Amino acid sequence: MSFVLAPRRLDFPLRTSRAVHDALILMRRNPMQYVRVPPLPVFSTIQPVMFVLLFVYVFGGAIKVPGGGNYVNFLMPGIIV
């Protein structure tokens, strides 16, 4: 006994509009958290700076990049993302 799944019709405009709608809702909700929890923006700003300092100065000599080069070039985009 075998089952054949019928192909689904992809509804891209509907999915896209849902994604935009969800993004707009999150854009409205996130600033409310910053107002309700004042330390949140401070820690959100300080944490990436601490990670950069930690990985550059504390672990700087321990991380080797295959093929040579400086791993800080890979660190900064990773921290930003």
C-alpha atoms as a PDB file:
ATOM      1  CA  MET A   1       0.000   0.000   0.000  1.00  0.00           C
ATOM      2  CA  SER A   2       1.538   3.319  -1.058  1.00  0.00           C
ATOM      3  CA  PHE A   3       0.350   6.811  -0.538  1.00  0.00           C
ATOM      4  CA  VAL A   4       0.956   9.601  -2.995  1.00  0.00           C
ATOM      5  CA  LEU A   5       1.004  13.093  -1.616  1.00  0.00           C
ATOM      6  CA  ALA A   6      -0.647  15.682  -3.789  1.00  0.00           C
ATOM      7  CA  PRO A   7       1.519  18.713  -4.506  1.00  0.00           C
ATOM      8  CA  ARG A   8       0.639  21.708  -2.384  1.00  0.00           C
ATOM      9  CA  ARG A   9      -0.070  25.063  -3.921  1.00  0.00           C
ATOM     10  CA  LEU A  10       2.449  27.540  -2.593  1.00  0.00           C
ATOM     11  CA  ASP A  11       0.885  30.782  -1.546  1.00  0.00           C
ATOM     12  CA  PHE A  12       3.832  33.148  -1.513  1.00  0.00           C
ATOM     13  CA  PRO A  13       2.006  36.495  -1.288  1.00  0.00           C
ATOM     14  CA  LEU A  14       0.030  35.280   1.713  1.00  0.00           C
ATOM     15  CA  ARG A  15       3.147  33.969   3.445  1.00  0.00           C
ATOM     16  CA  THR A  16       5.012  37.165   2.704  1.00  0.00           C
ATOM     17  CA  SER A  17       2.226  39.331   4.067  1.00  0.00           C
ATOM     18  CA  ARG A  18       2.098  37.190   7.207  1.00  0.00           C
ATOM     19  CA  ALA A  19       5.835  37.582   7.678  1.00  0.00           C
ATOM     20  CA  VAL A  20       5.582  41.353   7.264  1.00  0.00           C
ATOM     21  CA  HIS A  21       2.641  41.472   9.677  1.00  0.00           C
ATOM     22  CA  ASP A  22       4.553  39.421  12.272  1.00  0.00           C
ATOM     23  CA  ALA A  23       7.627  41.638  11.882  1.00  0.00           C
ATOM     24  CA  LEU A  24       5.519  44.761  12.435  1.00  0.00           C
ATOM     25  CA  ILE A  25       4.026  43.266  15.584  1.00  0.00           C
ATOM     26  CA  LEU A  26       7.496  42.501  16.950  1.00  0.00           C
ATOM     27  CA  MET A  27       8.649  46.009  16.075  1.00  0.00           C
ATOM     28  CA  ARG A  28       5.814  47.352  18.202  1.00  0.00           C
ATOM     29  CA  ARG A  29       6.314  44.962  21.138  1.00  0.00           C
ATOM     30  CA  ASN A  30      10.087  45.172  21.580  1.00  0.00           C
ATOM     31  CA  PRO A  31      10.256  48.865  22.540  1.00  0.00           C
ATOM     32  CA  MET A  32       7.644  48.178  25.223  1.00  0.00           C
ATOM     33  CA  GLN A  33      10.097  45.762  26.864  1.00  0.00           C
ATOM     34  CA  TYR A  34      12.760  48.459  26.919  1.00  0.00           C
ATOM     35  CA  VAL A  35      10.377  50.796  28.749  1.00  0.00           C
ATOM     36  CA  ARG A  36       9.279  48.157  31.259  1.00  0.00           C
ATOM     37  CA  VAL A  37      12.777  46.792  31.973  1.00  0.00           C
ATOM     38  CA  PRO A  38      15.217  49.756  32.015  1.00  0.00           C
ATOM     39  CA  PRO A  39      18.440  47.693  32.413  1.00  0.00           C
ATOM     40  CA  LEU A  40      17.674  45.776  29.201  1.00  0.00           C
ATOM     41  CA  PRO A  41      19.059  48.379  26.736  1.00  0.00           C
ATOM     42  CA  VAL A  42      22.147  48.850  28.898  1.00  0.00           C
ATOM     43  CA  PHE A  43      22.959  45.142  28.947  1.00  0.00           C
ATOM     44  CA  SER A  44      22.064  44.799  25.264  1.00  0.00           C
ATOM     45  CA  THR A  45      24.684  47.428  24.500  1.00  0.00           C
ATOM     46  CA  ILE A  46      27.392  46.268  26.895  1.00  0.00           C
ATOM     47  CA  GLN A  47      27.248  42.523  26.176  1.00  0.00           C
ATOM     48  CA  PRO A  48      28.562  42.641  22.564  1.00  0.00           C
ATOM     49  CA  VAL A  49      31.369  44.954  23.644  1.00  0.00           C
ATOM     50  CA  MET A  50      32.330  42.542  26.432  1.00  0.00           C
ATOM     51  CA  PHE A  51      32.348  39.594  24.013  1.00  0.00           C
ATOM     52  CA  VAL A  52      34.588  41.442  21.566  1.00  0.00           C
ATOM     53  CA  LEU A  53      37.040  42.380  24.304  1.00  0.00           C
ATOM     54  CA  LEU A  54      36.981  38.856  25.712  1.00  0.00           C
ATOM     55  CA  PHE A  55      37.635  37.100  22.417  1.00  0.00           C
ATOM     56  CA  VAL A  56      40.204  39.585  21.130  1.00  0.00           C
ATOM     57  CA  TYR A  57      42.324  40.100  24.236  1.00  0.00           C
ATOM     58  CA  VAL A  58      41.736  37.040  26.421  1.00  0.00           C
ATOM     59  CA  PHE A  59      41.476  34.315  23.773  1.00  0.00           C
ATOM     60  CA  GLY A  60      43.428  36.217  21.110  1.00  0.00           C
ATOM     61  CA  GLY A  61      46.434  33.917  20.941  1.00  0.00           C
ATOM     62  CA  ALA A  62      44.534  30.664  21.397  1.00  0.00           C
ATOM     63  CA  ILE A  63      42.392  30.803  18.238  1.00  0.00           C
ATOM     64  CA  LYS A  64      44.134  29.981  14.966  1.00  0.00           C
ATOM     65  CA  VAL A  65      42.553  30.495  11.536  1.00  0.00           C
ATOM     66  CA  PRO A  66      43.262  27.766   8.963  1.00  0.00           C
ATOM     67  CA  GLY A  67      45.290  29.253   6.136  1.00  0.00           C
ATOM     68  CA  GLY A  68      46.603  32.098   8.263  1.00  0.00           C
ATOM     69  CA  GLY A  69      45.112  35.495   8.789  1.00  0.00           C
ATOM     70  CA  ASN A  70      43.444  37.205  11.679  1.00  0.00           C
ATOM     71  CA  TYR A  71      40.341  35.674  13.223  1.00  0.00           C
ATOM     72  CA  VAL A  72      39.067  39.098  14.330  1.00  0.00           C
ATOM     73  CA  ASN A  73      37.890  39.542  10.731  1.00  0.00           C
ATOM     74  CA  PHE A  74      35.492  36.649  11.400  1.00  0.00           C
ATOM     75  CA  LEU A  75      34.724  37.651  14.981  1.00  0.00           C
ATOM     76  CA  MET A  76      33.188  41.057  14.329  1.00  0.00           C
ATOM     77  CA  PRO A  77      30.518  39.906  11.834  1.00  0.00           C
ATOM     78  CA  GLY A  78      29.689  37.018  14.154  1.00  0.00           C
ATOM     79  CA  ILE A  79      29.186  39.319  17.137  1.00  0.00           C
ATOM     80  CA  ILE A  80      27.119  41.768  15.062  1.00  0.00           C
ATOM     81  CA  VAL A  81      24.827  39.021  13.822  1.00  0.00           C
END
